[in-house]
Amino acid sequence: MGKNLWLRGVSCALLLAVALAIAGCGGAPGQAPEVSVCPGTAVTCAGNVCCPGMQSTNFQTFPCPSADPGWNQCGNAGDQAKPFVINPKGGACSGGAAVCEAPGWVYCQDARCSEPVLNENGILVAKCFCYQPPNVTTSIIPKGSNAGASCVMNQLDPRLKLPAGGTAMCNAIKNGALISTYGPEAWKPPLVVAKCPARTPWAWCWGAPCTKDPVKDTVVCDCPMMISATNDDQYLSLSVDVCNEEGPHACTMVHNSSPPGPKDPQRFLTPCEPAPPS
């Protein structure tokens, strides 16, 4: 029930942006409920609906801040409220990369990400705040249906049918789809990595679907939460500013990354070394 109520809330919030009166979304009769943001997420809600579960609520849904006093039909956790476990050595979604020539792709390498939340499809993701590099067309995308975040999300919910890498994903980007890829020409320095213990949870933005917030002019990507089934160190990507903010706690926060191993390019990046307090 919680998931359906959440979907209803998102629909209401979208309609409220167009018309300031919606029946059945809570609030006084004839009066549109206040549009709010679910705490800890980038999800809007309005009235008597549920916000998506997150780690701090044990992935239980909870009432929208603008719900009627005392209303609570929430508290349901999704079946997929856990990270996707990937085996980098030939496991599901561990495939290779391909080159795509298309403008409009999304860069998330050093993105700031929310704590894990359940998205509208019940998939555990981090909402990562990314950007579109201007005047750059070359990017590296998942090679096919067995690589990247789109593979993970399609595995968790086959109904999604996200562009499965390769030609399909490149054509989708050409046609205006917002998808997180990677491009050396759009490197956004300064970028550093935190070396973390094996099996540290991480967000996979490579190949993830994104949406644009026209008000904040920000691209938000649903990056599935991952755990690597390997004993290799997990390297997390972050900006120097975030490195200085989080310091030794970076490995306990949510950051974009990729499957670890000898071919992981993050192993060769500058390590996070927080600046001493001034």
Protein backbone atom coordinates (compact mmCIF):
# COMPACT_ATOMS: atom_id res chain seq x y z
CA MET A 1 0.00 0.00 0.00
CA GLY A 2 2.83 2.41 0.88
CA LYS A 3 4.31 2.23 -2.61
CA ASN A 4 0.96 2.93 -4.26
CA LEU A 5 0.33 5.86 -1.97
CA TRP A 6 3.77 7.22 -2.76
CA LEU A 7 3.12 6.96 -6.49
CA ARG A 8 -0.16 8.74 -5.96
CA GLY A 9 1.68 11.49 -4.10
CA VAL A 10 4.20 11.98 -6.88
CA SER A 11 1.36 12.19 -9.41
CA CYS A 12 -0.46 14.74 -7.30
CA ALA A 13 2.69 16.81 -6.89
CA LEU A 14 3.18 16.89 -10.63
CA LEU A 15 -0.40 17.93 -11.24
CA LEU A 16 -0.15 20.61 -8.59
CA ALA A 17 2.60 22.26 -10.56
CA VAL A 18 0.10 22.73 -13.38
CA ALA A 19 -3.16 23.35 -11.54
CA LEU A 20 -3.53 24.38 -7.93
CA ALA A 21 -6.51 22.19 -7.22
CA ILE A 22 -6.51 18.43 -7.06
CA ALA A 23 -9.28 16.33 -5.56
CA GLY A 24 -8.38 13.40 -3.36
CA CYS A 25 -4.83 14.30 -2.42
CA GLY A 26 -5.56 15.45 1.09
CA GLY A 27 -6.10 18.91 2.55
CA ALA A 28 -9.36 20.78 3.07
CA PRO A 29 -12.17 20.23 0.52
CA GLY A 30 -11.60 22.40 -2.53
CA GLN A 31 -8.17 23.43 -1.29
CA ALA A 32 -4.97 22.04 -2.77
CA PRO A 33 -2.60 20.47 -0.22
CA GLU A 34 0.79 22.04 0.25
CA VAL A 35 3.55 20.65 -1.94
CA SER A 36 6.44 19.44 0.22
CA VAL A 37 9.70 17.58 -0.16
CA CYS A 38 10.11 14.23 1.56
CA PRO A 39 12.90 14.66 4.14
CA GLY A 40 16.19 13.13 3.05
CA THR A 41 15.11 12.76 -0.58
CA ALA A 42 14.51 14.77 -3.74
CA VAL A 43 10.93 13.46 -3.98
CA THR A 44 8.01 15.90 -3.86
CA CYS A 45 4.74 15.01 -2.16
CA ALA A 46 1.44 16.63 -1.27
CA GLY A 47 -1.19 15.78 1.30
CA ASN A 48 -2.07 12.32 2.57
CA VAL A 49 0.56 10.29 0.76
CA CYS A 50 3.65 8.33 1.76
CA CYS A 51 7.27 9.27 1.26
CA PRO A 52 9.73 6.60 0.13
CA GLY A 53 11.52 4.61 2.78
CA MET A 54 15.19 5.26 3.43
CA GLN A 55 17.97 3.84 5.54
CA SER A 56 17.16 5.98 8.58
CA THR A 57 13.55 4.68 8.59
CA ASN A 58 14.57 1.05 8.00
CA PHE A 59 13.17 1.59 4.48
CA GLN A 60 9.65 2.00 5.85
CA THR A 61 7.52 4.58 4.05
CA PHE A 62 6.37 7.56 6.15
CA PRO A 63 3.79 10.39 5.86
CA CYS A 64 4.42 13.44 3.69
CA PRO A 65 5.14 16.54 5.81
CA SER A 66 1.93 18.18 4.49
CA ALA A 67 -0.31 15.22 5.39
CA ASP A 68 -3.29 15.85 7.66
CA PRO A 69 -2.42 15.70 11.38
CA GLY A 70 -2.69 12.14 12.61
CA TRP A 71 -2.87 10.60 9.12
CA ASN A 72 -0.57 7.61 8.63
CA GLN A 73 -1.21 4.72 6.27
CA CYS A 74 2.48 4.22 5.65
CA GLY A 75 5.12 1.91 7.04
CA ASN A 76 5.63 -0.59 4.22
CA ALA A 77 9.08 -1.60 3.06
CA GLY A 78 9.79 -2.70 -0.49
CA ASP A 79 10.96 -6.20 -1.34
CA GLN A 80 14.14 -4.78 -2.87
CA ALA A 81 15.30 -2.67 0.08
CA LYS A 82 18.86 -3.90 -0.15
CA PRO A 83 21.85 -3.23 -2.40
CA PHE A 84 22.38 -5.23 -5.58
CA VAL A 85 25.32 -7.60 -5.10
CA ILE A 86 27.63 -7.64 -8.13
CA ASN A 87 30.42 -10.08 -8.91
CA PRO A 88 32.92 -8.01 -10.93
CA LYS A 89 34.46 -11.18 -12.34
CA GLY A 90 31.81 -12.17 -14.85
CA GLY A 91 28.67 -11.74 -12.78
CA ALA A 92 25.39 -10.13 -13.84
CA CYS A 93 25.79 -6.53 -15.07
CA SER A 94 29.61 -6.71 -15.02
CA GLY A 95 30.05 -6.24 -18.79
CA GLY A 96 32.27 -3.79 -20.64
CA ALA A 97 32.07 -0.33 -22.16
CA ALA A 98 31.48 1.32 -25.53
CA VAL A 99 31.91 4.79 -27.00
CA CYS A 100 28.88 6.94 -27.78
CA GLU A 101 28.88 10.15 -29.81
CA ALA A 102 25.84 12.09 -28.61
CA PRO A 103 25.32 15.47 -26.90
CA GLY A 104 23.35 15.79 -23.70
CA TRP A 105 24.80 12.95 -21.65
CA VAL A 106 25.05 13.32 -17.87
CA TYR A 107 28.19 13.40 -15.70
CA CYS A 108 27.96 11.99 -12.15
CA GLN A 109 31.50 10.94 -11.29
CA ASP A 110 31.85 13.25 -8.28
CA ALA A 111 28.13 13.78 -7.63
CA ARG A 112 26.70 14.51 -4.22
CA CYS A 113 24.22 11.75 -3.41
CA SER A 114 21.37 11.29 -0.95
CA GLU A 115 21.23 8.46 1.52
CA PRO A 116 19.63 5.32 0.05
CA VAL A 117 15.90 5.57 -0.69
CA LEU A 118 13.35 3.40 -2.47
CA ASN A 119 12.39 4.96 -5.80
CA GLU A 120 8.95 4.73 -7.39
CA ASN A 121 9.75 1.23 -8.65
CA GLY A 122 10.77 -0.04 -5.23
CA ILE A 123 14.48 -0.12 -6.13
CA LEU A 124 17.05 0.98 -3.57
CA VAL A 125 18.83 3.97 -5.10
CA ALA A 126 20.77 7.07 -4.18
CA LYS A 127 19.46 10.32 -5.65
CA CYS A 128 22.66 11.79 -7.08
CA PHE A 129 22.92 15.40 -8.24
CA CYS A 130 24.77 15.52 -11.55
CA TYR A 131 25.22 17.86 -14.50
CA GLN A 132 25.33 17.90 -18.31
CA PRO A 133 28.73 18.91 -19.73
CA PRO A 134 28.34 21.58 -22.43
CA ASN A 135 29.82 21.20 -25.89
CA VAL A 136 31.00 17.61 -25.33
CA THR A 137 29.62 14.69 -27.33
CA THR A 138 31.97 11.79 -26.59
CA SER A 139 31.15 9.60 -23.61
CA ILE A 140 31.69 6.05 -22.43
CA ILE A 141 28.51 4.00 -21.97
CA PRO A 142 27.73 0.43 -20.93
CA LYS A 143 28.41 -1.86 -23.89
CA GLY A 144 25.21 -3.88 -23.81
CA SER A 145 22.47 -5.45 -21.72
CA ASN A 146 24.91 -6.95 -19.20
CA ALA A 147 26.60 -3.78 -18.00
CA GLY A 148 25.96 -0.74 -15.85
CA ALA A 149 23.19 0.68 -13.73
CA SER A 150 20.49 0.18 -16.37
CA CYS A 151 21.27 -3.55 -16.32
CA VAL A 152 20.92 -3.62 -12.53
CA MET A 153 17.58 -1.80 -12.58
CA ASN A 154 16.23 -3.95 -15.41
CA GLN A 155 17.23 -7.04 -13.44
CA LEU A 156 15.42 -5.79 -10.34
CA ASP A 157 12.33 -4.72 -12.29
CA PRO A 158 12.11 -6.13 -15.85
CA ARG A 159 9.08 -3.94 -16.51
CA LEU A 160 11.36 -0.89 -16.70
CA LYS A 161 12.95 -1.86 -20.02
CA LEU A 162 15.59 0.86 -19.70
CA PRO A 163 17.92 1.33 -22.70
CA ALA A 164 20.32 -1.58 -22.33
CA GLY A 165 23.62 0.02 -23.23
CA GLY A 166 25.33 0.04 -26.61
CA THR A 167 23.43 1.34 -29.62
CA ALA A 168 20.09 1.42 -27.80
CA MET A 169 21.43 3.67 -25.04
CA CYS A 170 23.38 5.91 -27.41
CA ASN A 171 20.30 6.42 -29.59
CA ALA A 172 18.22 7.16 -26.50
CA ILE A 173 20.66 9.92 -25.50
CA LYS A 174 20.55 11.31 -29.04
CA ASN A 175 16.77 11.43 -28.74
CA GLY A 176 16.90 13.42 -25.50
CA ALA A 177 16.98 10.78 -22.76
CA LEU A 178 18.93 11.83 -19.68
CA ILE A 179 21.37 9.03 -18.86
CA SER A 180 24.50 9.12 -16.72
CA THR A 181 27.59 8.01 -18.63
CA TYR A 182 31.25 8.99 -18.35
CA GLY A 183 33.54 11.13 -20.49
CA PRO A 184 37.23 11.91 -20.04
CA GLU A 185 36.78 15.14 -22.04
CA ALA A 186 34.30 16.41 -19.47
CA TRP A 187 36.42 15.70 -16.42
CA LYS A 188 35.33 18.01 -13.68
CA PRO A 189 38.38 18.59 -11.49
CA PRO A 190 39.33 18.39 -8.78
CA LEU A 191 38.27 14.75 -8.38
CA VAL A 192 39.64 12.39 -5.73
CA VAL A 193 38.84 8.92 -4.42
CA ALA A 194 38.38 7.44 -0.97
CA LYS A 195 39.91 4.00 -0.51
CA CYS A 196 37.37 1.97 1.44
CA PRO A 197 37.15 -1.60 2.74
CA ALA A 198 35.83 -4.37 0.53
CA ARG A 199 32.02 -4.63 0.44
CA THR A 200 31.50 -0.96 1.26
CA PRO A 201 28.08 0.00 -0.24
CA TRP A 202 28.23 2.37 -3.21
CA ALA A 203 25.98 4.01 -5.79
CA TRP A 204 26.32 3.08 -9.47
CA CYS A 205 25.47 6.01 -11.71
CA TRP A 206 27.03 4.68 -14.92
CA GLY A 207 24.05 4.03 -17.18
CA ALA A 208 21.49 5.26 -14.63
CA PRO A 209 18.30 7.10 -15.70
CA CYS A 210 18.05 10.77 -14.77
CA THR A 211 15.51 13.58 -14.65
CA LYS A 212 15.94 17.34 -14.75
CA ASP A 213 14.68 19.71 -12.13
CA PRO A 214 13.86 22.82 -14.19
CA VAL A 215 13.53 24.99 -11.09
CA LYS A 216 16.96 24.19 -9.67
CA ASP A 217 18.50 23.50 -13.09
CA THR A 218 19.88 20.27 -11.69
CA VAL A 219 19.96 16.74 -13.08
CA VAL A 220 19.04 14.05 -10.55
CA CYS A 221 19.95 10.44 -11.32
CA ASP A 222 18.58 7.27 -9.72
CA CYS A 223 21.80 5.38 -9.02
CA PRO A 224 21.17 1.85 -7.69
CA MET A 225 22.91 0.93 -4.47
CA MET A 226 25.53 -1.78 -4.86
CA ILE A 227 27.83 -4.10 -2.92
CA SER A 228 30.76 -5.78 -4.67
CA ALA A 229 31.19 -9.49 -3.97
CA THR A 230 34.97 -9.32 -3.86
CA ASN A 231 37.78 -8.81 -1.38
CA ASP A 232 39.21 -5.89 -3.38
CA ASP A 233 39.19 -2.39 -1.88
CA GLN A 234 36.24 -0.25 -2.95
CA TYR A 235 37.17 3.19 -4.28
CA LEU A 236 34.53 5.94 -3.99
CA SER A 237 34.63 9.05 -6.19
CA LEU A 238 34.13 12.47 -4.62
CA SER A 239 35.13 16.07 -5.10
CA VAL A 240 37.90 17.71 -3.10
CA ASP A 241 35.30 19.85 -1.34
CA VAL A 242 33.37 16.78 -0.19
CA CYS A 243 36.62 15.09 0.80
CA ASN A 244 37.39 18.05 3.07
CA GLU A 245 33.85 17.98 4.50
CA GLU A 246 33.65 14.25 5.23
CA GLY A 247 37.28 13.53 6.00
CA PRO A 248 37.76 10.07 7.50
CA HIS A 249 34.00 9.44 7.32
CA ALA A 250 33.84 9.38 3.50
CA CYS A 251 33.53 5.58 3.42
CA THR A 252 30.40 5.74 5.57
CA MET A 253 28.67 8.14 3.16
CA VAL A 254 27.04 7.42 -0.20
CA HIS A 255 29.19 8.06 -3.27
CA ASN A 256 29.34 7.07 -6.90
CA SER A 257 31.72 4.25 -7.73
CA SER A 258 32.25 1.25 -10.00
CA PRO A 259 33.04 -2.45 -9.56
CA PRO A 260 36.52 -2.81 -8.00
CA GLY A 261 39.40 -4.81 -9.35
CA PRO A 262 42.61 -4.46 -11.38
CA LYS A 263 40.83 -2.64 -14.23
CA ASP A 264 38.99 -0.15 -12.01
CA PRO A 265 40.20 3.30 -13.23
CA GLN A 266 39.47 4.84 -9.84
CA ARG A 267 42.46 2.98 -8.37
CA PHE A 268 44.75 5.37 -10.22
CA LEU A 269 43.11 8.64 -9.21
CA THR A 270 44.35 11.06 -6.54
CA PRO A 271 43.45 9.83 -3.06
CA CYS A 272 41.22 11.85 -0.75
CA GLU A 273 43.44 13.65 1.75
CA PRO A 274 41.37 16.16 3.76
CA ALA A 275 42.93 19.55 4.30
CA PRO A 276 43.94 20.22 7.92
CA PRO A 277 41.51 22.41 9.90
CA SER A 278 42.29 26.11 9.54
